[in-house]
């Protein structure tokens, strides 16, 4: 009778025949002293450990306090599946990252040929690092003309506001304008900064969140982090007219949606948030998200939402949205 030959778990994992044989010889003796296991196999402990070395490297056989422990076939298969799953997940993540990078690779190679365009010139601007941001910005503002437009998502928490407010006030006294958009949480986190900038003549509005820092100076300069975000450097300084105009249009679109700041009319250090709350509720934002954006407690948000529902005579947030739209509040 021909005996069917099926590969064992150990051989299926790619181990040699010797390792497979050694595994099955020590498996029944798992948990015993190494010297006794070796003696039962007519080997020295050193010889047995040499035969088991490939299995020990993979953690299938371990030596703990002179005792030899051998994973069962079920445990070996479980480890193999888990390891394969981890490898597959890592490979999937790498492939996803590569897939996301492909458009950038193709985009970087998508350049016009010699006969496709004429009069090619470099973009007017540069990316730089180092130096003192406040001093660099001071020099740039004093040597330029035109109004200043700011996106300030987080700078209000930095200790250099006195110098910046003095610079803005100096520019405003010379006949220029300064308009800045802050996140709503700045009202509760840095009211002194907002008041200081407002006192020197800066016009301030609020939005729930801001995507990046930015300053536009007149029609000639725009400064952005590279990449967009909340870092001082690297920074991009662009003088290219089309880019400055595009960033100005972007700022103006946000300015039109933003809510004017009224610190004197604020209650609980937070201005009237009726329109802001309605926009957040209409977008499906949860109370916790609204609280973070406002920089207030969850209890305060829920109180204001309740007050808004009462003002609109609504029993639910959906009804509030319908009634607000009917009144032209949205």
C-alpha atoms as a PDB file:
ATOM      1  CA  UNK A   1       0.000   0.000   0.000  1.00  0.00           C
ATOM      2  CA  UNK A   2       1.351   3.344  -0.987  1.00  0.00           C
ATOM      3  CA  UNK A   3       1.434   5.753   1.937  1.00  0.00           C
ATOM      4  CA  UNK A   4       0.219   9.235   1.105  1.00  0.00           C
ATOM      5  CA  UNK A   5       2.706  11.925   2.005  1.00  0.00           C
ATOM      6  CA  UNK A   6       1.380  15.221   3.329  1.00  0.00           C
ATOM      7  CA  UNK A   7       3.712  18.051   4.301  1.00  0.00           C
ATOM      8  CA  UNK A   8       3.752  18.889   7.990  1.00  0.00           C
ATOM      9  CA  UNK A   9       3.165  22.378   9.308  1.00  0.00           C
ATOM     10  CA  UNK A  10       6.886  22.824   9.896  1.00  0.00           C
ATOM     11  CA  UNK A  11       7.905  21.784   6.386  1.00  0.00           C
ATOM     12  CA  UNK A  12       5.059  23.888   4.962  1.00  0.00           C
ATOM     13  CA  UNK A  13       6.641  26.889   6.659  1.00  0.00           C
ATOM     14  CA  UNK A  14       9.834  26.259   4.704  1.00  0.00           C
ATOM     15  CA  UNK A  15      11.949  24.507   7.329  1.00  0.00           C
ATOM     16  CA  UNK A  16      14.360  21.760   6.351  1.00  0.00           C
ATOM     17  CA  UNK A  17      13.663  18.052   6.791  1.00  0.00           C
ATOM     18  CA  UNK A  18      16.100  17.944   9.723  1.00  0.00           C
ATOM     19  CA  UNK A  19      14.287  20.780  11.480  1.00  0.00           C
ATOM     20  CA  UNK A  20      10.952  19.096  10.827  1.00  0.00           C
ATOM     21  CA  UNK A  21      12.250  15.834  12.289  1.00  0.00           C
ATOM     22  CA  UNK A  22      13.703  17.594  15.339  1.00  0.00           C
ATOM     23  CA  UNK A  23      10.392  19.408  15.948  1.00  0.00           C
ATOM     24  CA  UNK A  24       8.351  16.219  15.996  1.00  0.00           C
ATOM     25  CA  UNK A  25      10.880  14.489  18.248  1.00  0.00           C
ATOM     26  CA  UNK A  26      10.757  17.172  20.959  1.00  0.00           C
ATOM     27  CA  UNK A  27       7.074  18.109  20.660  1.00  0.00           C
ATOM     28  CA  UNK A  28       5.842  15.373  23.022  1.00  0.00           C
ATOM     29  CA  UNK A  29       8.410  16.431  25.612  1.00  0.00           C
ATOM     30  CA  UNK A  30       7.516  20.122  25.766  1.00  0.00           C
ATOM     31  CA  UNK A  31       8.044  21.546  29.240  1.00  0.00           C
ATOM     32  CA  UNK A  32      10.726  19.093  30.346  1.00  0.00           C
ATOM     33  CA  UNK A  33      14.291  19.906  31.351  1.00  0.00           C
ATOM     34  CA  UNK A  34      16.593  20.311  28.356  1.00  0.00           C
ATOM     35  CA  UNK A  35      19.107  17.794  29.684  1.00  0.00           C
ATOM     36  CA  UNK A  36      16.416  15.126  30.061  1.00  0.00           C
ATOM     37  CA  UNK A  37      14.993  15.765  26.585  1.00  0.00           C
ATOM     38  CA  UNK A  38      18.477  15.549  25.063  1.00  0.00           C
ATOM     39  CA  UNK A  39      19.275  12.378  26.994  1.00  0.00           C
ATOM     40  CA  UNK A  40      16.070  10.714  25.812  1.00  0.00           C
ATOM     41  CA  UNK A  41      17.132  11.420  22.227  1.00  0.00           C
ATOM     42  CA  UNK A  42      20.680  10.210  22.841  1.00  0.00           C
ATOM     43  CA  UNK A  43      22.110  13.688  22.263  1.00  0.00           C
ATOM     44  CA  UNK A  44      23.960  16.243  24.286  1.00  0.00           C
ATOM     45  CA  UNK A  45      22.092  19.473  25.110  1.00  0.00           C
ATOM     46  CA  UNK A  46      24.425  21.345  22.758  1.00  0.00           C
ATOM     47  CA  UNK A  47      23.693  18.975  19.865  1.00  0.00           C
ATOM     48  CA  UNK A  48      19.950  19.227  20.434  1.00  0.00           C
ATOM     49  CA  UNK A  49      20.024  23.021  20.577  1.00  0.00           C
ATOM     50  CA  UNK A  50      22.006  23.068  17.336  1.00  0.00           C
ATOM     51  CA  UNK A  51      19.301  20.967  15.627  1.00  0.00           C
ATOM     52  CA  UNK A  52      16.582  23.187  17.046  1.00  0.00           C
ATOM     53  CA  UNK A  53      18.313  26.495  16.193  1.00  0.00           C
ATOM     54  CA  UNK A  54      16.105  27.309  13.120  1.00  0.00           C
ATOM     55  CA  UNK A  55      12.971  26.678  15.190  1.00  0.00           C
ATOM     56  CA  UNK A  56      14.243  28.781  18.083  1.00  0.00           C
ATOM     57  CA  UNK A  57      14.906  31.708  15.718  1.00  0.00           C
ATOM     58  CA  UNK A  58      11.210  31.717  14.793  1.00  0.00           C
ATOM     59  CA  UNK A  59      10.029  31.298  18.378  1.00  0.00           C
ATOM     60  CA  UNK A  60       8.548  27.860  17.766  1.00  0.00           C
ATOM     61  CA  UNK A  61      10.893  26.330  20.326  1.00  0.00           C
ATOM     62  CA  UNK A  62      11.952  28.302  23.389  1.00  0.00           C
ATOM     63  CA  UNK A  63      14.259  27.620  26.324  1.00  0.00           C
ATOM     64  CA  UNK A  64      13.062  29.046  29.637  1.00  0.00           C
ATOM     65  CA  UNK A  65      14.886  28.333  32.902  1.00  0.00           C
ATOM     66  CA  UNK A  66      16.541  25.250  31.399  1.00  0.00           C
ATOM     67  CA  UNK A  67      13.166  23.875  30.269  1.00  0.00           C
ATOM     68  CA  UNK A  68      12.312  23.311  26.612  1.00  0.00           C
ATOM     69  CA  UNK A  69       8.925  24.529  25.405  1.00  0.00           C
ATOM     70  CA  UNK A  70       7.553  23.608  22.001  1.00  0.00           C
ATOM     71  CA  UNK A  71       4.573  25.319  20.327  1.00  0.00           C
ATOM     72  CA  UNK A  72       1.842  22.972  19.178  1.00  0.00           C
ATOM     73  CA  UNK A  73       0.958  22.778  15.468  1.00  0.00           C
ATOM     74  CA  UNK A  74      -2.195  24.831  16.158  1.00  0.00           C
ATOM     75  CA  UNK A  75      -0.127  27.544  17.844  1.00  0.00           C
ATOM     76  CA  UNK A  76       2.381  27.485  14.989  1.00  0.00           C
ATOM     77  CA  UNK A  77      -0.389  27.921  12.416  1.00  0.00           C
ATOM     78  CA  UNK A  78      -1.923  30.737  14.479  1.00  0.00           C
ATOM     79  CA  UNK A  79       1.378  32.585  14.602  1.00  0.00           C
ATOM     80  CA  UNK A  80       1.890  32.040  10.895  1.00  0.00           C
ATOM     81  CA  UNK A  81      -1.562  33.469  10.079  1.00  0.00           C
ATOM     82  CA  UNK A  82      -1.035  36.473  12.371  1.00  0.00           C
ATOM     83  CA  UNK A  83       2.400  37.139  10.923  1.00  0.00           C
ATOM     84  CA  UNK A  84       1.080  36.834   7.375  1.00  0.00           C
ATOM     85  CA  UNK A  85      -1.796  39.192   8.194  1.00  0.00           C
ATOM     86  CA  UNK A  86       0.603  41.770   9.624  1.00  0.00           C
ATOM     87  CA  UNK A  87       2.820  41.478   6.561  1.00  0.00           C
ATOM     88  CA  UNK A  88      -0.197  41.816   4.269  1.00  0.00           C
ATOM     89  CA  UNK A  89      -1.406  44.890   6.165  1.00  0.00           C
ATOM     90  CA  UNK A  90       2.045  46.469   5.966  1.00  0.00           C
ATOM     91  CA  UNK A  91       2.250  45.670   2.260  1.00  0.00           C
ATOM     92  CA  UNK A  92      -1.225  47.138   1.731  1.00  0.00           C
ATOM     93  CA  UNK A  93      -0.208  50.341   3.518  1.00  0.00           C
ATOM     94  CA  UNK A  94       2.955  50.621   1.422  1.00  0.00           C
ATOM     95  CA  UNK A  95       1.034  50.006  -1.806  1.00  0.00           C
ATOM     96  CA  UNK A  96      -1.603  52.576  -0.809  1.00  0.00           C
ATOM     97  CA  UNK A  97       1.130  55.139  -0.132  1.00  0.00           C
ATOM     98  CA  UNK A  98       2.721  54.377  -3.500  1.00  0.00           C
ATOM     99  CA  UNK A  99      -0.665  54.693  -5.222  1.00  0.00           C
ATOM    100  CA  UNK A 100      -1.221  58.101  -3.617  1.00  0.00           C
ATOM    101  CA  UNK A 101       2.236  59.212  -4.718  1.00  0.00           C
ATOM    102  CA  UNK A 102       1.761  58.185  -8.352  1.00  0.00           C
ATOM    103  CA  UNK A 103      -0.123  61.364  -9.363  1.00  0.00           C
ATOM    104  CA  UNK A 104       2.697  63.446  -7.895  1.00  0.00           C
ATOM    105  CA  UNK A 105       5.285  61.400  -9.766  1.00  0.00           C
ATOM    106  CA  UNK A 106       3.449  61.776 -13.038  1.00  0.00           C
ATOM    107  CA  UNK A 107       2.753  65.428 -12.288  1.00  0.00           C
ATOM    108  CA  UNK A 108       6.418  66.155 -11.650  1.00  0.00           C
ATOM    109  CA  UNK A 109       7.264  64.662 -15.034  1.00  0.00           C
ATOM    110  CA  UNK A 110       4.484  66.468 -16.874  1.00  0.00           C
ATOM    111  CA  UNK A 111       6.563  69.254 -18.292  1.00  0.00           C
ATOM    112  CA  UNK A 112       6.036  71.030 -21.598  1.00  0.00           C
ATOM    113  CA  UNK A 113       8.357  70.063 -24.388  1.00  0.00           C
ATOM    114  CA  UNK A 114      10.690  72.508 -26.132  1.00  0.00           C
ATOM    115  CA  UNK A 115       8.169  73.168 -28.897  1.00  0.00           C
ATOM    116  CA  UNK A 116       5.064  73.281 -26.668  1.00  0.00           C
ATOM    117  CA  UNK A 117       5.697  76.641 -25.007  1.00  0.00           C
ATOM    118  CA  UNK A 118       7.741  79.759 -25.546  1.00  0.00           C
ATOM    119  CA  UNK A 119       9.383  82.254 -23.217  1.00  0.00           C
ATOM    120  CA  UNK A 120       9.640  80.002 -20.160  1.00  0.00           C
ATOM    121  CA  UNK A 121      10.527  81.970 -17.009  1.00  0.00           C
ATOM    122  CA  UNK A 122      10.991  80.830 -13.391  1.00  0.00           C
ATOM    123  CA  UNK A 123       8.276  81.603 -10.859  1.00  0.00           C
ATOM    124  CA  UNK A 124       9.084  84.671  -8.789  1.00  0.00           C
ATOM    125  CA  UNK A 125       9.527  83.378  -5.252  1.00  0.00           C
ATOM    126  CA  UNK A 126      11.587  81.149  -3.014  1.00  0.00           C
ATOM    127  CA  UNK A 127      11.381  78.637  -0.176  1.00  0.00           C
ATOM    128  CA  UNK A 128      13.592  79.441   2.787  1.00  0.00           C
ATOM    129  CA  UNK A 129      14.401  78.376   6.341  1.00  0.00           C
ATOM    130  CA  UNK A 130      16.275  79.902   9.209  1.00  0.00           C
ATOM    131  CA  UNK A 131      16.501  83.501  10.336  1.00  0.00           C
ATOM    132  CA  UNK A 132      14.159  85.245  12.763  1.00  0.00           C
ATOM    133  CA  UNK A 133      10.545  85.171  11.507  1.00  0.00           C
ATOM    134  CA  UNK A 134       9.461  88.312  13.357  1.00  0.00           C
ATOM    135  CA  UNK A 135      12.444  90.334  12.129  1.00  0.00           C
ATOM    136  CA  UNK A 136      12.021  89.052   8.578  1.00  0.00           C
ATOM    137  CA  UNK A 137       8.309  89.886   8.572  1.00  0.00           C
ATOM    138  CA  UNK A 138       8.940  93.294  10.092  1.00  0.00           C
ATOM    139  CA  UNK A 139      11.426  94.189   7.372  1.00  0.00           C
ATOM    140  CA  UNK A 140       9.112  92.918   4.647  1.00  0.00           C
ATOM    141  CA  UNK A 141       6.074  94.874   5.883  1.00  0.00           C
ATOM    142  CA  UNK A 142       8.033  98.107   6.393  1.00  0.00           C
ATOM    143  CA  UNK A 143       9.611  97.904   2.959  1.00  0.00           C
ATOM    144  CA  UNK A 144       6.349  97.080   1.139  1.00  0.00           C
ATOM    145  CA  UNK A 145       3.067  98.776   0.422  1.00  0.00           C
ATOM    146  CA  UNK A 146      -0.580  97.830   0.509  1.00  0.00           C
ATOM    147  CA  UNK A 147      -2.946  96.290   3.010  1.00  0.00           C
ATOM    148  CA  UNK A 148      -2.202  93.184   5.069  1.00  0.00           C
ATOM    149  CA  UNK A 149      -4.417  90.097   5.117  1.00  0.00           C
ATOM    150  CA  UNK A 150      -3.768  87.438   7.765  1.00  0.00           C
ATOM    151  CA  UNK A 151      -4.852  83.891   8.499  1.00  0.00           C
ATOM    152  CA  UNK A 152      -3.819  83.325  12.126  1.00  0.00           C
ATOM    153  CA  UNK A 153      -4.870  79.833  13.258  1.00  0.00           C
ATOM    154  CA  UNK A 154      -2.452  79.582  16.171  1.00  0.00           C
ATOM    155  CA  UNK A 155       0.069  82.435  16.386  1.00  0.00           C
ATOM    156  CA  UNK A 156      -2.098  84.179  18.972  1.00  0.00           C
ATOM    157  CA  UNK A 157      -0.669  81.784  21.572  1.00  0.00           C
ATOM    158  CA  UNK A 158       2.931  82.752  20.980  1.00  0.00           C
ATOM    159  CA  UNK A 159       4.836  85.237  23.216  1.00  0.00           C
ATOM    160  CA  UNK A 160       5.682  87.688  20.450  1.00  0.00           C
ATOM    161  CA  UNK A 161       2.302  89.377  20.138  1.00  0.00           C
ATOM    162  CA  UNK A 162       3.429  92.723  21.555  1.00  0.00           C
ATOM    163  CA  UNK A 163       5.997  93.116  18.774  1.00  0.00           C
ATOM    164  CA  UNK A 164       3.525  92.018  16.092  1.00  0.00           C
ATOM    165  CA  UNK A 165       0.778  94.304  17.381  1.00  0.00           C
ATOM    166  CA  UNK A 166       3.221  97.237  17.401  1.00  0.00           C
ATOM    167  CA  UNK A 167       4.177  96.459  13.787  1.00  0.00           C
ATOM    168  CA  UNK A 168       0.532  96.230  12.702  1.00  0.00           C
ATOM    169  CA  UNK A 169      -0.324  99.455  14.521  1.00  0.00           C
ATOM    170  CA  UNK A 170       2.583 101.233  12.871  1.00  0.00           C
ATOM    171  CA  UNK A 171       1.392 100.130   9.415  1.00  0.00           C
ATOM    172  CA  UNK A 172      -2.220 101.140  10.140  1.00  0.00           C
ATOM    173  CA  UNK A 173      -1.151 104.602  11.332  1.00  0.00           C
ATOM    174  CA  UNK A 174       0.638 105.046   8.012  1.00  0.00           C
ATOM    175  CA  UNK A 175      -2.680 104.588   6.193  1.00  0.00           C
ATOM    176  CA  UNK A 176      -2.688 100.862   5.526  1.00  0.00           C
ATOM    177  CA  UNK A 177      -5.341  98.357   6.576  1.00  0.00           C
ATOM    178  CA  UNK A 178      -4.899  95.055   8.399  1.00  0.00           C
ATOM    179  CA  UNK A 179      -7.580  92.350   8.302  1.00  0.00           C
ATOM    180  CA  UNK A 180      -7.152  89.064  10.159  1.00  0.00           C
ATOM    181  CA  UNK A 181      -9.165  85.865  10.494  1.00  0.00           C
ATOM    182  CA  UNK A 182      -8.802  83.823  13.689  1.00  0.00           C
ATOM    183  CA  UNK A 183     -10.356  80.528  14.778  1.00  0.00           C
ATOM    184  CA  UNK A 184     -13.276  80.935  17.157  1.00  0.00           C
ATOM    185  CA  UNK A 185     -11.369  79.342  20.045  1.00  0.00           C
ATOM    186  CA  UNK A 186      -9.014  82.351  20.096  1.00  0.00           C
ATOM    187  CA  UNK A 187     -11.809  84.321  21.784  1.00  0.00           C
ATOM    188  CA  UNK A 188     -11.582  82.164  24.888  1.00  0.00           C
ATOM    189  CA  UNK A 189      -7.899  81.187  24.640  1.00  0.00           C
ATOM    190  CA  UNK A 190      -6.367  84.582  23.882  1.00  0.00           C
ATOM    191  CA  UNK A 191      -8.824  87.459  24.402  1.00  0.00           C
ATOM    192  CA  UNK A 192      -5.973  89.809  25.349  1.00  0.00           C
ATOM    193  CA  UNK A 193      -4.269  89.203  22.011  1.00  0.00           C
ATOM    194  CA  UNK A 194      -7.469  89.883  20.081  1.00  0.00           C
ATOM    195  CA  UNK A 195      -8.151  92.988  22.103  1.00  0.00           C
ATOM    196  CA  UNK A 196      -4.605  94.258  21.581  1.00  0.00           C
ATOM    197  CA  UNK A 197      -4.750  93.737  17.814  1.00  0.00           C
ATOM    198  CA  UNK A 198      -8.211  95.282  17.698  1.00  0.00           C
ATOM    199  CA  UNK A 199      -7.060  98.329  19.681  1.00  0.00           C
ATOM    200  CA  UNK A 200      -4.272  99.088  17.185  1.00  0.00           C
ATOM    201  CA  UNK A 201      -6.889  99.123  14.433  1.00  0.00           C
ATOM    202  CA  UNK A 202      -6.896  95.611  12.996  1.00  0.00           C
ATOM    203  CA  UNK A 203     -10.222  94.318  11.654  1.00  0.00           C
ATOM    204  CA  UNK A 204     -10.867  90.841  13.039  1.00  0.00           C
ATOM    205  CA  UNK A 205     -13.288  88.099  12.033  1.00  0.00           C
ATOM    206  CA  UNK A 206     -13.761  84.522  13.191  1.00  0.00           C
ATOM    207  CA  UNK A 207     -14.210  81.122  11.554  1.00  0.00           C
ATOM    208  CA  UNK A 208     -14.570  77.701  13.183  1.00  0.00           C
ATOM    209  CA  UNK A 209     -11.186  76.545  11.883  1.00  0.00           C
ATOM    210  CA  UNK A 210      -8.394  77.733   9.618  1.00  0.00           C
ATOM    211  CA  UNK A 211      -6.353  75.429   7.357  1.00  0.00           C
ATOM    212  CA  UNK A 212      -3.014  77.244   7.460  1.00  0.00           C
ATOM    213  CA  UNK A 213      -1.077  80.341   8.395  1.00  0.00           C
ATOM    214  CA  UNK A 214      -0.868  83.001   5.700  1.00  0.00           C
ATOM    215  CA  UNK A 215      -0.090  86.668   5.223  1.00  0.00           C
ATOM    216  CA  UNK A 216      -0.729  88.645   2.064  1.00  0.00           C
ATOM    217  CA  UNK A 217       0.909  92.045   1.669  1.00  0.00           C
ATOM    218  CA  UNK A 218      -0.760  94.285  -0.868  1.00  0.00           C
ATOM    219  CA  UNK A 219      -0.699  92.847  -4.367  1.00  0.00           C
ATOM    220  CA  UNK A 220       2.942  91.900  -4.268  1.00  0.00           C
ATOM    221  CA  UNK A 221       3.683  89.252  -1.621  1.00  0.00           C
ATOM    222  CA  UNK A 222       2.180  86.161  -0.031  1.00  0.00           C
ATOM    223  CA  UNK A 223       3.880  84.096   2.676  1.00  0.00           C
ATOM    224  CA  UNK A 224       2.799  80.500   3.360  1.00  0.00           C
ATOM    225  CA  UNK A 225       4.260  77.553   5.269  1.00  0.00           C
ATOM    226  CA  UNK A 226       5.727  74.850   3.040  1.00  0.00           C
ATOM    227  CA  UNK A 227       3.758  72.624   3.121  1.00  0.00           C
ATOM    228  CA  UNK A 228       0.599  74.378   4.277  1.00  0.00           C
ATOM    229  CA  UNK A 229       0.117  74.219   8.022  1.00  0.00           C
ATOM    230  CA  UNK A 230       1.244  75.869  11.232  1.00  0.00           C
ATOM    231  CA  UNK A 231       5.047  75.971  11.059  1.00  0.00           C
ATOM    232  CA  UNK A 232       7.334  78.999  10.853  1.00  0.00           C
ATOM    233  CA  UNK A 233       9.645  77.242   8.422  1.00  0.00           C
ATOM    234  CA  UNK A 234      10.227  76.218   5.743  1.00  0.00           C
ATOM    235  CA  UNK A 235       8.277  79.151   4.361  1.00  0.00           C
ATOM    236  CA  UNK A 236       7.308  80.100   0.829  1.00  0.00           C
ATOM    237  CA  UNK A 237       7.568  83.743  -0.178  1.00  0.00           C
ATOM    238  CA  UNK A 238       5.871  84.322  -3.520  1.00  0.00           C
ATOM    239  CA  UNK A 239       5.856  87.511  -5.535  1.00  0.00           C
ATOM    240  CA  UNK A 240       4.178  85.981  -8.585  1.00  0.00           C
ATOM    241  CA  UNK A 241       1.174  88.179  -9.366  1.00  0.00           C
ATOM    242  CA  UNK A 242      -1.225  85.367 -10.282  1.00  0.00           C
ATOM    243  CA  UNK A 243      -0.462  83.481  -7.090  1.00  0.00           C
ATOM    244  CA  UNK A 244      -0.911  86.582  -4.929  1.00  0.00           C
ATOM    245  CA  UNK A 245      -4.225  87.307  -6.628  1.00  0.00           C
ATOM    246  CA  UNK A 246      -5.416  83.717  -6.155  1.00  0.00           C
ATOM    247  CA  UNK A 247      -4.559  83.719  -2.442  1.00  0.00           C
ATOM    248  CA  UNK A 248      -6.274  87.090  -2.055  1.00  0.00           C
ATOM    249  CA  UNK A 249      -9.466  85.715  -3.613  1.00  0.00           C
ATOM    250  CA  UNK A 250      -9.248  82.725  -1.255  1.00  0.00           C
ATOM    251  CA  UNK A 251      -8.860  85.041   1.744  1.00  0.00           C
ATOM    252  CA  UNK A 252     -11.785  87.200   0.625  1.00  0.00           C
ATOM    253  CA  UNK A 253     -14.036  84.147   0.285  1.00  0.00           C
ATOM    254  CA  UNK A 254     -13.245  83.206   3.884  1.00  0.00           C
ATOM    255  CA  UNK A 255     -13.610  86.813   5.064  1.00  0.00           C
ATOM    256  CA  UNK A 256     -17.137  86.956   3.612  1.00  0.00           C
ATOM    257  CA  UNK A 257     -18.098  83.815   5.558  1.00  0.00           C
ATOM    258  CA  UNK A 258     -16.393  84.861   8.789  1.00  0.00           C
ATOM    259  CA  UNK A 259     -18.165  86.473  11.735  1.00  0.00           C
ATOM    260  CA  UNK A 260     -17.030  89.924  12.948  1.00  0.00           C
ATOM    261  CA  UNK A 261     -15.469  89.991  16.401  1.00  0.00           C
ATOM    262  CA  UNK A 262     -17.272  91.943  19.108  1.00  0.00           C
ATOM    263  CA  UNK A 263     -15.341  91.552  22.350  1.00  0.00           C
ATOM    264  CA  UNK A 264     -17.308  94.276  24.136  1.00  0.00           C
ATOM    265  CA  UNK A 265     -20.607  92.602  23.308  1.00  0.00           C
ATOM    266  CA  UNK A 266     -19.399  89.136  24.208  1.00  0.00           C
ATOM    267  CA  UNK A 267     -21.042  87.086  26.902  1.00  0.00           C
ATOM    268  CA  UNK A 268     -19.014  84.585  28.914  1.00  0.00           C
ATOM    269  CA  UNK A 269     -15.984  85.737  26.875  1.00  0.00           C
ATOM    270  CA  UNK A 270     -17.636  84.311  23.735  1.00  0.00           C
ATOM    271  CA  UNK A 271     -19.407  86.488  21.137  1.00  0.00           C
ATOM    272  CA  UNK A 272     -22.917  85.777  19.899  1.00  0.00           C
ATOM    273  CA  UNK A 273     -22.543  82.448  18.144  1.00  0.00           C
ATOM    274  CA  UNK A 274     -26.020  82.050  16.659  1.00  0.00           C
ATOM    275  CA  UNK A 275     -24.894  81.952  13.029  1.00  0.00           C
ATOM    276  CA  UNK A 276     -21.853  79.875  13.859  1.00  0.00           C
ATOM    277  CA  UNK A 277     -23.926  77.329  15.793  1.00  0.00           C
ATOM    278  CA  UNK A 278     -26.465  77.080  12.994  1.00  0.00           C
ATOM    279  CA  UNK A 279     -23.713  76.434  10.447  1.00  0.00           C
ATOM    280  CA  UNK A 280     -22.148  73.794  12.670  1.00  0.00           C
ATOM    281  CA  UNK A 281     -25.454  72.062  13.350  1.00  0.00           C
ATOM    282  CA  UNK A 282     -26.337  72.144   9.657  1.00  0.00           C
ATOM    283  CA  UNK A 283     -23.010  70.503   8.829  1.00  0.00           C
ATOM    284  CA  UNK A 284     -23.721  67.690  11.295  1.00  0.00           C
ATOM    285  CA  UNK A 285     -21.036  68.671  13.810  1.00  0.00           C
ATOM    286  CA  UNK A 286     -21.341  67.045  17.214  1.00  0.00           C
ATOM    287  CA  UNK A 287     -21.412  69.068  20.418  1.00  0.00           C
ATOM    288  CA  UNK A 288     -17.908  67.878  21.313  1.00  0.00           C
ATOM    289  CA  UNK A 289     -16.531  69.157  17.990  1.00  0.00           C
ATOM    290  CA  UNK A 290     -18.280  72.503  18.414  1.00  0.00           C
ATOM    291  CA  UNK A 291     -16.873  72.846  21.937  1.00  0.00           C
ATOM    292  CA  UNK A 292     -13.321  72.283  20.686  1.00  0.00           C
ATOM    293  CA  UNK A 293     -13.743  74.827  17.908  1.00  0.00           C
ATOM    294  CA  UNK A 294     -15.199  77.395  20.276  1.00  0.00           C
ATOM    295  CA  UNK A 295     -12.694  76.670  23.001  1.00  0.00           C
ATOM    296  CA  UNK A 296     -15.493  76.382  25.563  1.00  0.00           C
ATOM    297  CA  UNK A 297     -16.926  73.615  27.676  1.00  0.00           C
ATOM    298  CA  UNK A 298     -19.361  71.024  26.380  1.00  0.00           C
ATOM    299  CA  UNK A 299     -21.885  72.311  28.914  1.00  0.00           C
ATOM    300  CA  UNK A 300     -21.696  75.818  27.430  1.00  0.00           C
ATOM    301  CA  UNK A 301     -22.286  74.499  23.913  1.00  0.00           C
ATOM    302  CA  UNK A 302     -25.331  72.511  24.998  1.00  0.00           C
ATOM    303  CA  UNK A 303     -26.731  75.521  26.828  1.00  0.00           C
ATOM    304  CA  UNK A 304     -26.310  77.729  23.761  1.00  0.00           C
ATOM    305  CA  UNK A 305     -27.883  75.104  21.489  1.00  0.00           C
ATOM    306  CA  UNK A 306     -30.858  74.852  23.862  1.00  0.00           C
ATOM    307  CA  UNK A 307     -31.209  78.638  23.845  1.00  0.00           C
ATOM    308  CA  UNK A 308     -31.084  78.654  20.047  1.00  0.00           C
ATOM    309  CA  UNK A 309     -33.793  75.971  19.787  1.00  0.00           C
ATOM    310  CA  UNK A 310     -35.968  77.969  22.178  1.00  0.00           C
ATOM    311  CA  UNK A 311     -35.430  81.170  20.176  1.00  0.00           C
ATOM    312  CA  UNK A 312     -36.494  79.382  16.996  1.00  0.00           C
ATOM    313  CA  UNK A 313     -39.385  77.570  18.681  1.00  0.00           C
ATOM    314  CA  UNK A 314     -37.963  74.264  17.489  1.00  0.00           C
ATOM    315  CA  UNK A 315     -38.134  70.878  19.192  1.00  0.00           C
ATOM    316  CA  UNK A 316     -35.182  69.361  17.291  1.00  0.00           C
ATOM    317  CA  UNK A 317     -32.025  70.436  15.557  1.00  0.00           C
ATOM    318  CA  UNK A 318     -33.554  69.533  12.202  1.00  0.00           C
ATOM    319  CA  UNK A 319     -36.542  71.768  12.896  1.00  0.00           C
ATOM    320  CA  UNK A 320     -34.138  74.507  13.952  1.00  0.00           C
ATOM    321  CA  UNK A 321     -32.338  74.278  10.624  1.00  0.00           C
ATOM    322  CA  UNK A 322     -35.608  74.470   8.690  1.00  0.00           C
ATOM    323  CA  UNK A 323     -36.865  77.440  10.713  1.00  0.00           C
ATOM    324  CA  UNK A 324     -33.483  79.245  10.449  1.00  0.00           C
ATOM    325  CA  UNK A 325     -33.542  78.812   6.674  1.00  0.00           C
ATOM    326  CA  UNK A 326     -37.130  80.099   6.550  1.00  0.00           C
ATOM    327  CA  UNK A 327     -36.083  83.210   8.460  1.00  0.00           C
ATOM    328  CA  UNK A 328     -33.087  83.744   6.232  1.00  0.00           C
ATOM    329  CA  UNK A 329     -30.560  83.126   8.973  1.00  0.00           C
ATOM    330  CA  UNK A 330     -28.676  80.601   6.829  1.00  0.00           C
END
